[in-house]
Amino acid sequence: MKIQRYKKFFEDAETAGKLEIEKISLKDAIKFCDKQNYDVLKEIPDFEKHFKAAQDKAKKGWTRRHDMPVIEDEDVKKIQARLEQGTIDIYKPLAKETPKNNPFPTGLSGLSANKWLTAGLRDGQKKR
């Protein structure tokens, strides 16, 4: 069931946030993906090459921690609950309030964010 997959993703995100690309070894990155039942070497072509390139860029300062979003544990738990309750609209038919018919929009705030967080209650679909 899709909802279980999303819930698992957000549960794993709590652990994943503790891994920093600058510090983790390639071996540990692959091991982490294996623990998530994701064969990264099969799914991402030239993973080793791309991982090392990304790690090199991160070490050279191409990424800054202050530029990256921080998702608090409390926020992860709220998203998990909303997914379980069906308030976030991830199943078709999507509500007209779902931005551009995209169940995973980015950059929302204020009223548009609130509409997205409750659109699953307005799509006319009774079952999840």
N, C-alpha and C. Protein backbone atom coordinates (compact mmCIF):
# COMPACT_ATOMS: atom_id res chain seq x y z
N MET A 1 0.84 -1.18 0.00
CA MET A 1 0.00 0.00 0.00
C MET A 1 0.89 1.25 0.00
N LYS A 2 0.53 2.24 -0.79
CA LYS A 2 1.34 3.45 -0.94
C LYS A 2 1.57 4.16 0.39
N ILE A 3 0.55 4.25 1.21
CA ILE A 3 0.67 5.00 2.46
C ILE A 3 1.77 4.41 3.35
N GLN A 4 1.92 3.10 3.35
CA GLN A 4 2.97 2.46 4.14
C GLN A 4 4.34 2.84 3.61
N ARG A 5 4.47 2.94 2.28
CA ARG A 5 5.73 3.31 1.67
C ARG A 5 6.12 4.73 2.06
N TYR A 6 5.16 5.65 2.04
CA TYR A 6 5.44 7.04 2.43
C TYR A 6 5.78 7.12 3.91
N LYS A 7 5.04 6.38 4.73
CA LYS A 7 5.31 6.39 6.17
C LYS A 7 6.72 5.88 6.43
N LYS A 8 7.12 4.81 5.76
CA LYS A 8 8.46 4.26 5.93
C LYS A 8 9.51 5.28 5.51
N PHE A 9 9.25 6.00 4.40
CA PHE A 9 10.19 7.02 3.94
C PHE A 9 10.42 8.06 5.03
N PHE A 10 9.32 8.55 5.63
CA PHE A 10 9.47 9.60 6.64
C PHE A 10 10.09 9.06 7.92
N GLU A 11 9.84 7.80 8.25
CA GLU A 11 10.52 7.20 9.40
C GLU A 11 12.01 7.11 9.15
N ASP A 12 12.38 6.70 7.94
CA ASP A 12 13.80 6.59 7.59
C ASP A 12 14.47 7.95 7.52
N ALA A 13 13.70 8.99 7.20
CA ALA A 13 14.28 10.33 7.09
C ALA A 13 14.88 10.79 8.41
N GLU A 14 14.32 10.32 9.52
CA GLU A 14 14.87 10.69 10.82
C GLU A 14 16.31 10.21 10.94
N THR A 15 16.60 9.01 10.46
CA THR A 15 17.95 8.46 10.49
C THR A 15 18.81 9.07 9.40
N ALA A 16 18.23 9.21 8.22
CA ALA A 16 18.99 9.69 7.08
C ALA A 16 19.58 11.08 7.33
N GLY A 17 18.89 11.91 8.10
CA GLY A 17 19.38 13.24 8.38
C GLY A 17 20.68 13.26 9.16
N LYS A 18 21.06 12.15 9.71
CA LYS A 18 22.30 12.07 10.49
C LYS A 18 23.51 11.73 9.63
N LEU A 19 23.29 11.46 8.35
CA LEU A 19 24.39 11.13 7.45
C LEU A 19 24.80 12.37 6.68
N GLU A 20 26.06 12.70 6.71
CA GLU A 20 26.55 13.86 5.97
C GLU A 20 27.45 13.39 4.85
N ILE A 21 27.15 13.85 3.65
CA ILE A 21 27.89 13.38 2.48
C ILE A 21 29.38 13.67 2.58
N GLU A 22 29.73 14.75 3.25
CA GLU A 22 31.15 15.09 3.38
C GLU A 22 31.91 14.06 4.21
N LYS A 23 31.21 13.43 5.14
CA LYS A 23 31.89 12.56 6.12
C LYS A 23 31.67 11.07 5.89
N ILE A 24 30.57 10.70 5.26
CA ILE A 24 30.26 9.27 5.12
C ILE A 24 31.12 8.65 4.01
N SER A 25 31.51 7.42 4.23
CA SER A 25 32.29 6.73 3.20
C SER A 25 31.34 6.14 2.16
N LEU A 26 31.87 5.88 0.99
CA LEU A 26 31.08 5.26 -0.07
C LEU A 26 30.51 3.93 0.42
N LYS A 27 31.33 3.17 1.11
CA LYS A 27 30.91 1.86 1.63
C LYS A 27 29.73 2.02 2.58
N ASP A 28 29.79 3.02 3.48
CA ASP A 28 28.70 3.24 4.44
C ASP A 28 27.44 3.75 3.74
N ALA A 29 27.61 4.56 2.70
CA ALA A 29 26.45 5.05 1.94
C ALA A 29 25.72 3.88 1.27
N ILE A 30 26.49 2.99 0.68
CA ILE A 30 25.90 1.81 0.04
C ILE A 30 25.24 0.92 1.08
N LYS A 31 25.90 0.76 2.22
CA LYS A 31 25.35 -0.05 3.31
C LYS A 31 24.02 0.53 3.79
N PHE A 32 23.96 1.87 3.93
CA PHE A 32 22.72 2.52 4.35
C PHE A 32 21.60 2.25 3.35
N CYS A 33 21.90 2.37 2.07
CA CYS A 33 20.89 2.11 1.04
C CYS A 33 20.43 0.65 1.07
N ASP A 34 21.37 -0.25 1.29
CA ASP A 34 21.02 -1.67 1.40
C ASP A 34 20.04 -1.90 2.55
N LYS A 35 20.27 -1.21 3.67
CA LYS A 35 19.38 -1.33 4.83
C LYS A 35 17.97 -0.86 4.50
N GLN A 36 17.86 0.05 3.54
CA GLN A 36 16.55 0.57 3.12
C GLN A 36 15.96 -0.29 2.00
N ASN A 37 16.61 -1.42 1.71
CA ASN A 37 16.19 -2.30 0.61
C ASN A 37 16.20 -1.58 -0.73
N TYR A 38 17.23 -0.77 -0.92
CA TYR A 38 17.39 -0.03 -2.16
C TYR A 38 18.76 -0.34 -2.73
N ASP A 39 18.77 -1.01 -3.87
CA ASP A 39 20.03 -1.38 -4.51
C ASP A 39 20.55 -0.20 -5.31
N VAL A 40 21.25 0.70 -4.64
CA VAL A 40 21.70 1.95 -5.24
C VAL A 40 22.64 1.71 -6.42
N LEU A 41 23.44 0.67 -6.37
CA LEU A 41 24.37 0.38 -7.46
C LEU A 41 23.64 -0.05 -8.73
N LYS A 42 22.48 -0.67 -8.54
CA LYS A 42 21.67 -1.11 -9.68
C LYS A 42 20.77 0.03 -10.18
N GLU A 43 20.22 0.79 -9.25
CA GLU A 43 19.23 1.81 -9.59
C GLU A 43 19.83 3.10 -10.13
N ILE A 44 21.02 3.46 -9.70
CA ILE A 44 21.64 4.72 -10.14
C ILE A 44 22.89 4.40 -10.94
N PRO A 45 22.85 4.65 -12.24
CA PRO A 45 24.02 4.38 -13.07
C PRO A 45 25.25 5.14 -12.57
N ASP A 46 26.38 4.49 -12.55
CA ASP A 46 27.64 5.11 -12.13
C ASP A 46 27.54 5.76 -10.75
N PHE A 47 26.84 5.11 -9.83
CA PHE A 47 26.63 5.68 -8.50
C PHE A 47 27.95 6.07 -7.84
N GLU A 48 28.91 5.18 -7.89
CA GLU A 48 30.18 5.45 -7.21
C GLU A 48 30.81 6.74 -7.73
N LYS A 49 30.84 6.89 -9.03
CA LYS A 49 31.41 8.09 -9.65
C LYS A 49 30.65 9.35 -9.24
N HIS A 50 29.31 9.28 -9.28
CA HIS A 50 28.49 10.44 -8.93
C HIS A 50 28.56 10.75 -7.44
N PHE A 51 28.62 9.72 -6.61
CA PHE A 51 28.73 9.93 -5.17
C PHE A 51 30.03 10.65 -4.85
N LYS A 52 31.12 10.17 -5.43
CA LYS A 52 32.42 10.80 -5.18
C LYS A 52 32.46 12.24 -5.68
N ALA A 53 31.83 12.51 -6.83
CA ALA A 53 31.79 13.88 -7.37
C ALA A 53 30.97 14.78 -6.44
N ALA A 54 29.83 14.29 -5.96
CA ALA A 54 29.00 15.08 -5.04
C ALA A 54 29.74 15.32 -3.73
N GLN A 55 30.43 14.29 -3.26
CA GLN A 55 31.18 14.42 -2.02
C GLN A 55 32.31 15.45 -2.18
N ASP A 56 32.97 15.41 -3.31
CA ASP A 56 34.05 16.36 -3.59
C ASP A 56 33.52 17.79 -3.62
N LYS A 57 32.39 17.99 -4.28
CA LYS A 57 31.79 19.33 -4.33
C LYS A 57 31.39 19.81 -2.94
N ALA A 58 30.84 18.90 -2.15
CA ALA A 58 30.43 19.27 -0.78
C ALA A 58 31.65 19.67 0.05
N LYS A 59 32.73 18.93 -0.09
CA LYS A 59 33.95 19.24 0.66
C LYS A 59 34.57 20.56 0.23
N LYS A 60 34.35 20.95 -1.02
CA LYS A 60 34.90 22.21 -1.52
C LYS A 60 33.99 23.40 -1.22
N GLY A 61 32.89 23.14 -0.52
CA GLY A 61 32.02 24.24 -0.13
C GLY A 61 30.93 24.58 -1.11
N TRP A 62 30.64 23.70 -2.05
CA TRP A 62 29.58 23.97 -3.01
C TRP A 62 28.21 23.90 -2.35
N THR A 63 28.14 23.28 -1.20
CA THR A 63 26.89 23.23 -0.45
C THR A 63 27.14 23.84 0.91
N ARG A 64 26.15 24.48 1.43
CA ARG A 64 26.23 25.09 2.75
C ARG A 64 25.05 24.59 3.57
N ARG A 65 25.31 24.20 4.78
CA ARG A 65 24.27 23.67 5.66
C ARG A 65 23.12 24.68 5.81
N HIS A 66 23.43 25.96 5.91
CA HIS A 66 22.38 26.96 6.11
C HIS A 66 21.47 27.10 4.90
N ASP A 67 21.89 26.59 3.75
CA ASP A 67 21.05 26.63 2.55
C ASP A 67 20.11 25.43 2.45
N MET A 68 20.32 24.45 3.30
CA MET A 68 19.53 23.23 3.23
C MET A 68 18.39 23.28 4.25
N PRO A 69 17.24 22.74 3.88
CA PRO A 69 16.11 22.77 4.82
C PRO A 69 16.37 21.84 6.00
N VAL A 70 15.84 22.23 7.13
CA VAL A 70 15.94 21.41 8.33
C VAL A 70 14.53 20.91 8.64
N ILE A 71 14.39 19.62 8.73
CA ILE A 71 13.10 19.03 9.05
C ILE A 71 13.21 18.45 10.46
N GLU A 72 12.46 19.03 11.37
CA GLU A 72 12.49 18.60 12.76
C GLU A 72 11.70 17.30 12.92
N ASP A 73 12.05 16.51 13.94
CA ASP A 73 11.34 15.26 14.22
C ASP A 73 9.84 15.48 14.37
N GLU A 74 9.47 16.56 15.02
CA GLU A 74 8.06 16.87 15.23
C GLU A 74 7.33 17.05 13.90
N ASP A 75 8.00 17.71 12.95
CA ASP A 75 7.39 17.90 11.63
C ASP A 75 7.23 16.58 10.88
N VAL A 76 8.21 15.70 11.00
CA VAL A 76 8.13 14.38 10.36
C VAL A 76 6.93 13.62 10.92
N LYS A 77 6.74 13.69 12.23
CA LYS A 77 5.61 12.98 12.86
C LYS A 77 4.28 13.56 12.41
N LYS A 78 4.21 14.89 12.22
CA LYS A 78 2.98 15.51 11.75
C LYS A 78 2.65 15.05 10.33
N ILE A 79 3.65 14.98 9.48
CA ILE A 79 3.44 14.52 8.11
C ILE A 79 2.98 13.06 8.11
N GLN A 80 3.60 12.23 8.96
CA GLN A 80 3.19 10.83 9.05
C GLN A 80 1.71 10.73 9.42
N ALA A 81 1.31 11.51 10.40
CA ALA A 81 -0.08 11.47 10.86
C ALA A 81 -1.03 11.93 9.75
N ARG A 82 -0.66 13.00 9.04
CA ARG A 82 -1.52 13.51 7.97
C ARG A 82 -1.63 12.50 6.83
N LEU A 83 -0.55 11.80 6.53
CA LEU A 83 -0.61 10.76 5.49
C LEU A 83 -1.55 9.64 5.92
N GLU A 84 -1.44 9.22 7.17
CA GLU A 84 -2.30 8.14 7.67
C GLU A 84 -3.76 8.55 7.68
N GLN A 85 -4.04 9.80 8.00
CA GLN A 85 -5.42 10.29 8.08
C GLN A 85 -6.01 10.61 6.71
N GLY A 86 -5.15 10.68 5.69
CA GLY A 86 -5.63 10.97 4.35
C GLY A 86 -5.85 12.44 4.07
N THR A 87 -5.34 13.32 4.95
CA THR A 87 -5.56 14.75 4.72
C THR A 87 -4.67 15.31 3.62
N ILE A 88 -3.50 14.74 3.42
CA ILE A 88 -2.63 15.17 2.33
C ILE A 88 -3.08 14.41 1.09
N ASP A 89 -3.28 15.14 0.02
CA ASP A 89 -3.88 14.58 -1.20
C ASP A 89 -2.80 13.95 -2.09
N ILE A 90 -2.58 12.65 -1.95
CA ILE A 90 -1.57 11.96 -2.76
C ILE A 90 -2.18 10.97 -3.75
N TYR A 91 -3.49 10.77 -3.66
CA TYR A 91 -4.15 9.82 -4.55
C TYR A 91 -5.08 10.54 -5.51
N LYS A 92 -5.17 10.03 -6.74
CA LYS A 92 -6.10 10.58 -7.71
C LYS A 92 -7.50 10.08 -7.38
N PRO A 93 -8.52 10.87 -7.57
CA PRO A 93 -8.49 12.21 -8.17
C PRO A 93 -7.94 13.22 -7.17
N LEU A 94 -7.13 14.13 -7.67
CA LEU A 94 -6.56 15.16 -6.82
C LEU A 94 -7.56 16.32 -6.69
N ALA A 95 -7.56 16.94 -5.54
CA ALA A 95 -8.44 18.09 -5.31
C ALA A 95 -7.99 19.26 -6.16
N LYS A 96 -8.94 20.13 -6.48
CA LYS A 96 -8.58 21.31 -7.28
C LYS A 96 -7.60 22.20 -6.53
N GLU A 97 -7.55 22.10 -5.22
CA GLU A 97 -6.61 22.90 -4.42
C GLU A 97 -5.18 22.37 -4.48
N THR A 98 -5.01 21.15 -4.98
CA THR A 98 -3.66 20.59 -5.08
C THR A 98 -2.93 21.33 -6.19
N PRO A 99 -1.84 22.02 -5.87
CA PRO A 99 -1.16 22.88 -6.85
C PRO A 99 -0.76 22.14 -8.13
N LYS A 100 -1.24 22.67 -9.26
CA LYS A 100 -0.89 22.16 -10.59
C LYS A 100 -1.05 20.65 -10.70
N ASN A 101 -2.04 20.13 -9.96
CA ASN A 101 -2.29 18.69 -9.99
C ASN A 101 -1.06 17.88 -9.59
N ASN A 102 -0.23 18.46 -8.73
CA ASN A 102 1.00 17.81 -8.27
C ASN A 102 0.87 17.50 -6.78
N PRO A 103 0.81 16.23 -6.39
CA PRO A 103 0.64 15.92 -4.98
C PRO A 103 1.86 16.25 -4.11
N PHE A 104 2.99 16.58 -4.72
CA PHE A 104 4.20 16.88 -3.94
C PHE A 104 4.81 18.22 -4.36
N PRO A 105 4.07 19.32 -4.16
CA PRO A 105 4.59 20.63 -4.56
C PRO A 105 5.70 21.09 -3.62
N THR A 106 6.47 22.06 -4.07
CA THR A 106 7.53 22.62 -3.24
C THR A 106 7.31 24.12 -3.10
N GLY A 107 7.92 24.70 -2.08
CA GLY A 107 7.90 26.14 -1.90
C GLY A 107 6.59 26.72 -1.42
N LEU A 108 5.72 25.92 -0.82
CA LEU A 108 4.44 26.43 -0.34
C LEU A 108 4.60 27.06 1.03
N SER A 109 3.80 28.09 1.27
CA SER A 109 3.76 28.69 2.60
C SER A 109 2.39 29.31 2.81
N GLY A 110 2.09 29.64 4.04
CA GLY A 110 0.83 30.31 4.36
C GLY A 110 -0.39 29.53 3.94
N LEU A 111 -1.33 30.24 3.32
CA LEU A 111 -2.61 29.65 2.93
C LEU A 111 -2.45 28.51 1.93
N SER A 112 -1.54 28.66 0.95
CA SER A 112 -1.38 27.58 -0.04
C SER A 112 -0.82 26.32 0.62
N ALA A 113 0.04 26.46 1.61
CA ALA A 113 0.56 25.29 2.34
C ALA A 113 -0.56 24.63 3.13
N ASN A 114 -1.39 25.43 3.78
CA ASN A 114 -2.49 24.88 4.56
C ASN A 114 -3.49 24.16 3.66
N LYS A 115 -3.77 24.73 2.49
CA LYS A 115 -4.69 24.07 1.54
C LYS A 115 -4.13 22.71 1.12
N TRP A 116 -2.82 22.65 0.87
CA TRP A 116 -2.21 21.39 0.47
C TRP A 116 -2.29 20.36 1.59
N LEU A 117 -2.07 20.81 2.82
CA LEU A 117 -2.09 19.88 3.95
C LEU A 117 -3.47 19.32 4.25
N THR A 118 -4.51 19.92 3.69
CA THR A 118 -5.87 19.43 3.93
C THR A 118 -6.62 19.07 2.65
N ALA A 119 -5.98 19.12 1.51
CA ALA A 119 -6.65 18.87 0.23
C ALA A 119 -7.23 17.47 0.12
N GLY A 120 -6.66 16.52 0.82
CA GLY A 120 -7.16 15.14 0.76
C GLY A 120 -8.58 15.01 1.29
N LEU A 121 -9.00 16.00 2.07
CA LEU A 121 -10.37 15.98 2.59
C LEU A 121 -11.37 16.59 1.61
N ARG A 122 -10.86 17.22 0.54
CA ARG A 122 -11.74 17.91 -0.40
C ARG A 122 -11.71 17.33 -1.81
N ASP A 123 -11.13 16.16 -2.00
CA ASP A 123 -11.04 15.62 -3.36
C ASP A 123 -12.23 14.75 -3.75
N GLY A 124 -13.16 14.57 -2.83
CA GLY A 124 -14.34 13.78 -3.13
C GLY A 124 -14.15 12.29 -2.97
N GLN A 125 -12.93 11.86 -2.69
CA GLN A 125 -12.65 10.42 -2.54
C GLN A 125 -12.86 10.04 -1.08
N LYS A 126 -13.70 9.05 -0.85
CA LYS A 126 -14.03 8.65 0.51
C LYS A 126 -13.04 7.63 1.09
N LYS A 127 -12.50 6.76 0.24
CA LYS A 127 -11.61 5.71 0.72
C LYS A 127 -10.18 6.04 0.41
N ARG A 128 -9.28 5.59 1.23
CA ARG A 128 -7.84 5.79 1.03
C ARG A 128 -7.21 4.49 0.67
